[in-house]
């Protein structure tokens, strides 16, 4: 009997970014631990990225998607909007790398279109608080552009 072994693409992609961070000797945060949360109220929170690094004057945040969606973009709009209590927790600008794993070229077309729509409005509202870009990949080598841009932030 042949077993269908599922590959965890998110873990593989995160490792590429982690290796760059380690090489540049920065600390990073992942998962749902207490040091990677934006506290909402009580025990409720947002994860502050699938991977986050504090580079001094900004946060580099990576959000991976393997099921589509724009919630990870919209949550930063909510958290960074004017007079929001989260500004006490997010004290620096965010550079968001929003990365979608695709199976086909047309995967998540509707989600990616909505992402563009939201980002075009969001960037006007938040101007200096966040820079966001979406990336897509079918194979791990497709992440080279995102990895190069990520590296450039760590060097500056």
N, C-alpha and C. Protein backbone atom coordinates (compact mmCIF):
# COMPACT_ATOMS: atom_id res chain seq x y z
N UNK A 1 0.84 -1.18 0.00
CA UNK A 1 0.00 0.00 0.00
C UNK A 1 0.89 1.25 0.00
N UNK A 2 0.63 2.15 -0.92
CA UNK A 2 1.40 3.39 -1.02
C UNK A 2 0.80 4.44 -0.10
N UNK A 3 1.67 5.07 0.68
CA UNK A 3 1.22 6.14 1.58
C UNK A 3 1.44 7.48 0.92
N UNK A 4 0.49 8.35 1.09
CA UNK A 4 0.60 9.70 0.57
C UNK A 4 1.23 10.56 1.68
N UNK A 5 2.50 10.85 1.54
CA UNK A 5 3.19 11.65 2.55
C UNK A 5 3.10 13.11 2.14
N UNK A 6 2.54 13.89 3.04
CA UNK A 6 2.33 15.30 2.76
C UNK A 6 3.57 16.10 3.16
N UNK A 7 4.04 16.95 2.30
CA UNK A 7 5.21 17.76 2.56
C UNK A 7 4.77 19.08 3.17
N UNK A 8 5.46 19.51 4.21
CA UNK A 8 5.15 20.77 4.86
C UNK A 8 5.96 21.88 4.20
N UNK A 9 5.37 22.54 3.20
CA UNK A 9 6.07 23.56 2.45
C UNK A 9 6.34 24.80 3.29
N UNK A 10 5.43 25.12 4.19
CA UNK A 10 5.63 26.30 5.02
C UNK A 10 6.88 26.16 5.87
N UNK A 11 7.07 25.00 6.48
CA UNK A 11 8.26 24.78 7.31
C UNK A 11 9.53 24.90 6.47
N UNK A 12 9.50 24.32 5.29
CA UNK A 12 10.67 24.38 4.39
C UNK A 12 10.98 25.84 4.03
N UNK A 13 9.97 26.61 3.72
CA UNK A 13 10.17 28.01 3.35
C UNK A 13 10.64 28.84 4.54
N UNK A 14 10.04 28.63 5.70
CA UNK A 14 10.45 29.36 6.90
C UNK A 14 11.91 29.11 7.21
N UNK A 15 12.37 27.88 7.02
CA UNK A 15 13.77 27.54 7.30
C UNK A 15 14.72 28.37 6.45
N UNK A 16 14.36 28.64 5.21
CA UNK A 16 15.21 29.47 4.35
C UNK A 16 15.39 30.86 4.96
N UNK A 17 14.29 31.45 5.43
CA UNK A 17 14.36 32.78 6.04
C UNK A 17 15.09 32.74 7.39
N UNK A 18 14.83 31.70 8.18
CA UNK A 18 15.51 31.56 9.47
C UNK A 18 17.02 31.50 9.28
N UNK A 19 17.47 30.74 8.29
CA UNK A 19 18.91 30.61 8.05
C UNK A 19 19.55 31.95 7.73
N UNK A 20 18.85 32.78 6.99
CA UNK A 20 19.36 34.13 6.70
C UNK A 20 19.45 34.95 7.97
N UNK A 21 18.42 34.88 8.79
CA UNK A 21 18.40 35.64 10.05
C UNK A 21 19.55 35.20 10.95
N UNK A 22 19.74 33.91 11.08
CA UNK A 22 20.81 33.37 11.93
C UNK A 22 22.17 33.82 11.40
N UNK A 23 22.35 33.78 10.09
CA UNK A 23 23.62 34.20 9.48
C UNK A 23 23.92 35.66 9.83
N UNK A 24 22.88 36.49 9.90
CA UNK A 24 23.07 37.91 10.23
C UNK A 24 22.99 38.19 11.73
N UNK A 25 22.85 37.14 12.52
CA UNK A 25 22.90 37.20 13.99
C UNK A 25 21.79 38.03 14.62
N UNK A 26 20.58 37.87 14.08
CA UNK A 26 19.41 38.49 14.68
C UNK A 26 18.58 37.42 15.40
N UNK A 27 17.83 37.85 16.41
CA UNK A 27 16.87 36.96 17.05
C UNK A 27 15.58 36.99 16.23
N UNK A 28 14.84 35.90 16.30
CA UNK A 28 13.57 35.84 15.58
C UNK A 28 12.52 35.17 16.45
N UNK A 29 11.27 35.35 16.04
CA UNK A 29 10.13 34.83 16.78
C UNK A 29 9.23 34.08 15.81
N UNK A 30 8.72 32.94 16.26
CA UNK A 30 7.80 32.14 15.46
C UNK A 30 6.72 31.58 16.37
N UNK A 31 5.72 31.01 15.75
CA UNK A 31 4.71 30.28 16.50
C UNK A 31 3.77 31.17 17.29
N UNK A 32 3.12 30.55 18.26
CA UNK A 32 2.09 31.23 19.05
C UNK A 32 2.54 31.54 20.47
N UNK A 33 3.83 31.51 20.71
CA UNK A 33 4.34 31.80 22.05
C UNK A 33 4.07 33.23 22.49
N UNK A 34 4.23 33.48 23.77
CA UNK A 34 3.93 34.79 24.36
C UNK A 34 4.74 35.92 23.73
N UNK A 35 5.94 35.62 23.22
CA UNK A 35 6.78 36.67 22.64
C UNK A 35 6.47 36.94 21.17
N UNK A 36 5.43 36.28 20.65
CA UNK A 36 5.05 36.50 19.24
C UNK A 36 3.55 36.75 19.12
N UNK A 37 3.06 37.58 20.01
CA UNK A 37 1.62 37.86 20.03
C UNK A 37 1.35 39.36 20.06
N UNK A 38 0.24 39.71 19.44
CA UNK A 38 -0.35 41.04 19.60
C UNK A 38 -1.60 40.79 20.43
N UNK A 39 -1.58 41.22 21.66
CA UNK A 39 -2.66 40.92 22.60
C UNK A 39 -3.89 41.74 22.26
N UNK A 40 -5.02 41.06 22.15
CA UNK A 40 -6.28 41.74 21.88
C UNK A 40 -6.97 42.11 23.19
N UNK A 41 -7.45 41.09 23.88
CA UNK A 41 -8.16 41.31 25.14
C UNK A 41 -8.20 39.97 25.86
N UNK A 42 -7.83 39.98 27.11
CA UNK A 42 -7.84 38.73 27.87
C UNK A 42 -6.88 37.73 27.28
N UNK A 43 -7.38 36.57 26.92
CA UNK A 43 -6.54 35.52 26.35
C UNK A 43 -6.55 35.52 24.82
N UNK A 44 -7.15 36.53 24.23
CA UNK A 44 -7.25 36.61 22.77
C UNK A 44 -6.08 37.40 22.20
N UNK A 45 -5.57 36.92 21.08
CA UNK A 45 -4.41 37.57 20.47
C UNK A 45 -4.34 37.25 18.98
N UNK A 46 -3.53 38.07 18.28
CA UNK A 46 -3.12 37.77 16.91
C UNK A 46 -1.70 37.24 16.99
N UNK A 47 -1.36 36.31 16.12
CA UNK A 47 0.03 35.92 15.98
C UNK A 47 0.74 37.05 15.25
N UNK A 48 1.90 37.46 15.76
CA UNK A 48 2.66 38.55 15.17
C UNK A 48 3.62 37.97 14.13
N UNK A 49 3.03 37.34 13.11
CA UNK A 49 3.78 36.77 12.00
C UNK A 49 4.10 35.30 12.22
N UNK A 50 4.19 34.58 11.10
CA UNK A 50 4.69 33.21 11.18
C UNK A 50 6.17 33.22 11.51
N UNK A 51 6.83 34.29 11.09
CA UNK A 51 8.24 34.52 11.41
C UNK A 51 8.42 36.03 11.50
N UNK A 52 9.06 36.47 12.58
CA UNK A 52 9.27 37.91 12.78
C UNK A 52 10.66 38.14 13.31
N UNK A 53 11.29 39.19 12.80
CA UNK A 53 12.60 39.61 13.28
C UNK A 53 12.56 41.12 13.53
N UNK A 54 13.13 41.52 14.64
CA UNK A 54 13.22 42.93 15.01
C UNK A 54 14.61 43.39 14.60
N UNK A 55 14.68 44.28 13.61
CA UNK A 55 16.00 44.71 13.13
C UNK A 55 16.37 46.10 13.63
N UNK A 56 15.76 46.52 14.70
CA UNK A 56 16.10 47.81 15.31
C UNK A 56 15.11 48.89 14.97
N UNK A 57 15.07 49.32 13.72
CA UNK A 57 14.16 50.42 13.35
C UNK A 57 12.87 49.93 12.71
N UNK A 58 12.72 48.60 12.55
CA UNK A 58 11.48 48.06 11.98
C UNK A 58 11.38 46.57 12.29
N UNK A 59 10.20 46.06 12.07
CA UNK A 59 9.95 44.62 12.16
C UNK A 59 9.86 44.06 10.75
N UNK A 60 10.54 42.95 10.51
CA UNK A 60 10.33 42.19 9.28
C UNK A 60 9.41 41.04 9.66
N UNK A 61 8.28 40.96 8.99
CA UNK A 61 7.26 39.96 9.33
C UNK A 61 6.95 39.15 8.09
N UNK A 62 6.94 37.83 8.26
CA UNK A 62 6.59 36.94 7.17
C UNK A 62 5.33 36.19 7.55
N UNK A 63 4.35 36.25 6.66
CA UNK A 63 3.11 35.50 6.82
C UNK A 63 3.02 34.53 5.64
N UNK A 64 2.90 33.25 5.94
CA UNK A 64 2.76 32.23 4.90
C UNK A 64 1.31 31.81 4.79
N UNK A 65 0.87 31.59 3.56
CA UNK A 65 -0.49 31.13 3.31
C UNK A 65 -0.43 29.88 2.45
N UNK A 66 -1.11 28.85 2.89
CA UNK A 66 -1.23 27.66 2.06
C UNK A 66 -2.70 27.35 1.79
N UNK A 67 -3.58 28.24 2.24
CA UNK A 67 -5.01 28.05 2.02
C UNK A 67 -5.69 29.32 1.56
N UNK A 68 -4.93 30.25 1.02
CA UNK A 68 -5.51 31.50 0.55
C UNK A 68 -5.82 32.44 1.70
N UNK A 69 -6.55 33.48 1.44
CA UNK A 69 -6.98 34.40 2.48
C UNK A 69 -6.24 35.71 2.49
N UNK A 70 -6.86 36.70 3.11
CA UNK A 70 -6.26 38.02 3.25
C UNK A 70 -6.28 38.48 4.71
N UNK A 71 -6.68 37.60 5.60
CA UNK A 71 -6.78 37.97 7.02
C UNK A 71 -5.44 38.45 7.58
N UNK A 72 -4.36 37.82 7.18
CA UNK A 72 -3.05 38.22 7.72
C UNK A 72 -2.63 39.60 7.25
N UNK A 73 -3.15 40.07 6.13
CA UNK A 73 -2.91 41.44 5.72
C UNK A 73 -3.83 42.38 6.50
N UNK A 74 -5.10 42.03 6.55
CA UNK A 74 -6.10 42.89 7.19
C UNK A 74 -5.84 43.08 8.68
N UNK A 75 -5.30 42.08 9.35
CA UNK A 75 -5.07 42.23 10.80
C UNK A 75 -4.08 43.35 11.09
N UNK A 76 -3.11 43.58 10.20
CA UNK A 76 -2.16 44.68 10.43
C UNK A 76 -2.81 46.03 10.18
N UNK A 77 -3.74 46.10 9.27
CA UNK A 77 -4.51 47.33 9.06
C UNK A 77 -5.27 47.67 10.33
N UNK A 78 -5.93 46.68 10.86
CA UNK A 78 -6.68 46.84 12.11
C UNK A 78 -5.75 47.28 13.25
N UNK A 79 -4.64 46.59 13.40
CA UNK A 79 -3.73 46.87 14.52
C UNK A 79 -3.00 48.20 14.40
N UNK A 80 -2.76 48.66 13.19
CA UNK A 80 -1.98 49.89 13.00
C UNK A 80 -2.84 51.12 12.74
N UNK A 81 -4.16 50.94 12.70
CA UNK A 81 -5.02 52.08 12.42
C UNK A 81 -4.96 53.11 13.55
N UNK A 82 -5.33 54.34 13.23
CA UNK A 82 -5.26 55.45 14.19
C UNK A 82 -6.01 55.15 15.49
N UNK A 83 -5.47 55.64 16.59
CA UNK A 83 -6.09 55.54 17.91
C UNK A 83 -6.37 54.09 18.32
N UNK A 84 -5.59 53.18 17.83
CA UNK A 84 -5.78 51.79 18.19
C UNK A 84 -4.84 51.43 19.33
N UNK A 85 -5.32 50.66 20.27
CA UNK A 85 -4.52 50.30 21.44
C UNK A 85 -3.28 49.46 21.08
N UNK A 86 -3.27 48.86 19.90
CA UNK A 86 -2.16 48.01 19.51
C UNK A 86 -0.91 48.79 19.19
N UNK A 87 -1.04 50.08 18.98
CA UNK A 87 0.14 50.89 18.69
C UNK A 87 1.11 50.88 19.86
N UNK A 88 0.63 50.57 21.05
CA UNK A 88 1.52 50.44 22.21
C UNK A 88 2.36 49.17 22.10
N UNK A 89 1.88 48.17 21.38
CA UNK A 89 2.60 46.92 21.22
C UNK A 89 3.45 46.89 19.95
N UNK A 90 3.02 47.60 18.92
CA UNK A 90 3.74 47.63 17.65
C UNK A 90 4.34 49.03 17.52
N UNK A 91 5.56 49.17 17.97
CA UNK A 91 6.15 50.50 18.11
C UNK A 91 6.98 50.94 16.92
N UNK A 92 7.16 50.04 15.95
CA UNK A 92 7.98 50.35 14.78
C UNK A 92 7.23 49.98 13.51
N UNK A 93 7.67 50.52 12.39
CA UNK A 93 7.06 50.13 11.12
C UNK A 93 7.28 48.64 10.82
N UNK A 94 6.37 48.09 10.06
CA UNK A 94 6.42 46.68 9.67
C UNK A 94 6.72 46.59 8.18
N UNK A 95 7.60 45.67 7.84
CA UNK A 95 7.79 45.27 6.45
C UNK A 95 7.21 43.87 6.37
N UNK A 96 6.10 43.73 5.66
CA UNK A 96 5.37 42.47 5.59
C UNK A 96 5.66 41.75 4.28
N UNK A 97 6.12 40.52 4.41
CA UNK A 97 6.30 39.61 3.29
C UNK A 97 5.15 38.61 3.39
N UNK A 98 4.17 38.73 2.52
CA UNK A 98 3.00 37.86 2.55
C UNK A 98 3.17 36.84 1.44
N UNK A 99 3.39 35.59 1.81
CA UNK A 99 3.82 34.57 0.86
C UNK A 99 2.77 33.47 0.73
N UNK A 100 2.37 33.26 -0.52
CA UNK A 100 1.35 32.26 -0.83
C UNK A 100 1.98 31.07 -1.56
N UNK A 101 1.72 29.88 -1.08
CA UNK A 101 2.13 28.65 -1.74
C UNK A 101 1.04 28.26 -2.74
N UNK A 102 1.41 28.17 -4.01
CA UNK A 102 0.46 27.83 -5.07
C UNK A 102 0.69 26.41 -5.57
N UNK A 103 -0.38 25.78 -5.97
CA UNK A 103 -0.27 24.49 -6.66
C UNK A 103 -0.32 24.70 -8.16
N UNK A 104 -1.10 25.70 -8.59
CA UNK A 104 -1.20 26.04 -10.00
C UNK A 104 -1.06 27.55 -10.13
N UNK A 105 -0.85 28.01 -11.33
CA UNK A 105 -0.69 29.45 -11.58
C UNK A 105 -1.93 30.24 -11.17
N UNK A 106 -3.10 29.65 -11.30
CA UNK A 106 -4.35 30.35 -11.00
C UNK A 106 -4.84 30.15 -9.55
N UNK A 107 -4.09 29.42 -8.75
CA UNK A 107 -4.48 29.22 -7.35
C UNK A 107 -4.68 30.55 -6.65
N UNK A 108 -5.72 30.64 -5.88
CA UNK A 108 -6.01 31.80 -5.03
C UNK A 108 -6.13 33.11 -5.81
N UNK A 109 -6.48 33.02 -7.08
CA UNK A 109 -6.60 34.24 -7.89
C UNK A 109 -7.51 35.25 -7.22
N UNK A 110 -8.65 34.80 -6.70
CA UNK A 110 -9.59 35.73 -6.06
C UNK A 110 -8.98 36.31 -4.79
N UNK A 111 -8.29 35.50 -4.00
CA UNK A 111 -7.66 35.99 -2.77
C UNK A 111 -6.57 37.02 -3.10
N UNK A 112 -5.77 36.71 -4.10
CA UNK A 112 -4.68 37.61 -4.48
C UNK A 112 -5.21 38.92 -5.05
N UNK A 113 -6.33 38.86 -5.76
CA UNK A 113 -6.97 40.08 -6.28
C UNK A 113 -7.50 40.93 -5.13
N UNK A 114 -8.13 40.30 -4.16
CA UNK A 114 -8.63 41.04 -2.99
C UNK A 114 -7.45 41.59 -2.19
N UNK A 115 -6.36 40.83 -2.10
CA UNK A 115 -5.15 41.32 -1.42
C UNK A 115 -4.70 42.63 -2.05
N UNK A 116 -4.59 42.68 -3.38
CA UNK A 116 -4.19 43.91 -4.07
C UNK A 116 -5.14 45.06 -3.77
N UNK A 117 -6.43 44.78 -3.79
CA UNK A 117 -7.44 45.80 -3.52
C UNK A 117 -7.28 46.36 -2.10
N UNK A 118 -7.18 45.47 -1.12
CA UNK A 118 -7.03 45.91 0.27
C UNK A 118 -5.73 46.67 0.46
N UNK A 119 -4.65 46.16 -0.08
CA UNK A 119 -3.36 46.83 0.11
C UNK A 119 -3.36 48.23 -0.50
N UNK A 120 -3.99 48.41 -1.65
CA UNK A 120 -4.02 49.74 -2.27
C UNK A 120 -4.74 50.77 -1.40
N UNK A 121 -5.73 50.36 -0.66
CA UNK A 121 -6.42 51.26 0.27
C UNK A 121 -5.62 51.38 1.56
N UNK A 122 -5.16 50.27 2.05
CA UNK A 122 -4.44 50.20 3.32
C UNK A 122 -3.19 51.06 3.33
N UNK A 123 -2.42 51.03 2.24
CA UNK A 123 -1.16 51.79 2.21
C UNK A 123 -1.41 53.29 2.27
N UNK A 124 -2.54 53.75 1.75
CA UNK A 124 -2.88 55.17 1.86
C UNK A 124 -3.21 55.54 3.30
N UNK A 125 -3.86 54.63 3.99
CA UNK A 125 -4.28 54.86 5.37
C UNK A 125 -3.12 54.78 6.35
N UNK A 126 -2.16 53.91 6.07
CA UNK A 126 -1.10 53.64 7.05
C UNK A 126 0.28 54.15 6.64
N UNK A 127 0.38 54.75 5.51
CA UNK A 127 1.58 55.30 4.89
C UNK A 127 2.92 54.83 5.47
N UNK A 128 3.34 55.34 6.59
CA UNK A 128 4.68 55.05 7.11
C UNK A 128 4.72 53.92 8.13
N UNK A 129 3.59 53.30 8.40
CA UNK A 129 3.55 52.26 9.44
C UNK A 129 3.79 50.85 8.90
N UNK A 130 3.60 50.67 7.59
CA UNK A 130 3.76 49.33 7.03
C UNK A 130 4.06 49.40 5.53
N UNK A 131 4.92 48.50 5.11
CA UNK A 131 5.17 48.22 3.70
C UNK A 131 4.81 46.75 3.54
N UNK A 132 4.03 46.42 2.53
CA UNK A 132 3.63 45.03 2.33
C UNK A 132 3.79 44.65 0.87
N UNK A 133 4.20 43.42 0.67
CA UNK A 133 4.27 42.87 -0.68
C UNK A 133 3.90 41.41 -0.60
N UNK A 134 3.15 40.97 -1.61
CA UNK A 134 2.80 39.55 -1.67
C UNK A 134 3.74 38.85 -2.65
N UNK A 135 4.02 37.62 -2.33
CA UNK A 135 4.85 36.77 -3.17
C UNK A 135 4.12 35.45 -3.34
N UNK A 136 4.33 34.81 -4.47
CA UNK A 136 3.76 33.49 -4.69
C UNK A 136 4.90 32.55 -5.10
N UNK A 137 4.72 31.29 -4.77
CA UNK A 137 5.69 30.30 -5.22
C UNK A 137 5.03 28.95 -5.41
N UNK A 138 5.52 28.25 -6.41
CA UNK A 138 5.09 26.88 -6.64
C UNK A 138 6.19 25.93 -6.18
N UNK A 139 7.44 26.31 -6.45
CA UNK A 139 8.56 25.52 -5.95
C UNK A 139 9.45 26.45 -5.14
N UNK A 140 10.23 25.89 -4.27
CA UNK A 140 10.99 26.65 -3.28
C UNK A 140 11.92 27.68 -3.93
N UNK A 141 12.44 27.39 -5.13
CA UNK A 141 13.32 28.33 -5.83
C UNK A 141 12.59 29.61 -6.22
N UNK A 142 11.28 29.56 -6.30
CA UNK A 142 10.50 30.74 -6.65
C UNK A 142 10.55 31.81 -5.56
N UNK A 143 11.09 31.48 -4.40
CA UNK A 143 11.18 32.43 -3.30
C UNK A 143 12.44 33.30 -3.36
N UNK A 144 13.26 33.13 -4.38
CA UNK A 144 14.54 33.86 -4.43
C UNK A 144 14.37 35.37 -4.36
N UNK A 145 13.37 35.92 -5.03
CA UNK A 145 13.16 37.37 -4.98
C UNK A 145 12.85 37.82 -3.55
N UNK A 146 11.94 37.13 -2.89
CA UNK A 146 11.58 37.48 -1.51
C UNK A 146 12.79 37.33 -0.60
N UNK A 147 13.56 36.27 -0.78
CA UNK A 147 14.75 36.05 0.05
C UNK A 147 15.78 37.15 -0.16
N UNK A 148 15.99 37.57 -1.40
CA UNK A 148 16.95 38.64 -1.68
C UNK A 148 16.53 39.96 -1.06
N UNK A 149 15.25 40.28 -1.16
CA UNK A 149 14.75 41.53 -0.57
C UNK A 149 14.86 41.45 0.95
N UNK A 150 14.51 40.31 1.52
CA UNK A 150 14.62 40.10 2.97
C UNK A 150 16.06 40.32 3.42
N UNK A 151 17.02 39.73 2.71
CA UNK A 151 18.44 39.89 3.02
C UNK A 151 18.85 41.37 2.98
N UNK A 152 18.35 42.10 1.99
CA UNK A 152 18.72 43.51 1.85
C UNK A 152 18.29 44.32 3.07
N UNK A 153 17.17 43.99 3.68
CA UNK A 153 16.74 44.68 4.90
C UNK A 153 17.68 44.36 6.07
N UNK A 154 18.15 43.13 6.14
CA UNK A 154 19.03 42.73 7.24
C UNK A 154 20.41 43.38 7.12
N UNK A 155 20.82 43.70 5.91
CA UNK A 155 22.14 44.31 5.68
C UNK A 155 22.13 45.81 5.89
N UNK A 156 20.95 46.43 5.80
CA UNK A 156 20.91 47.91 5.87
C UNK A 156 20.87 48.41 7.29
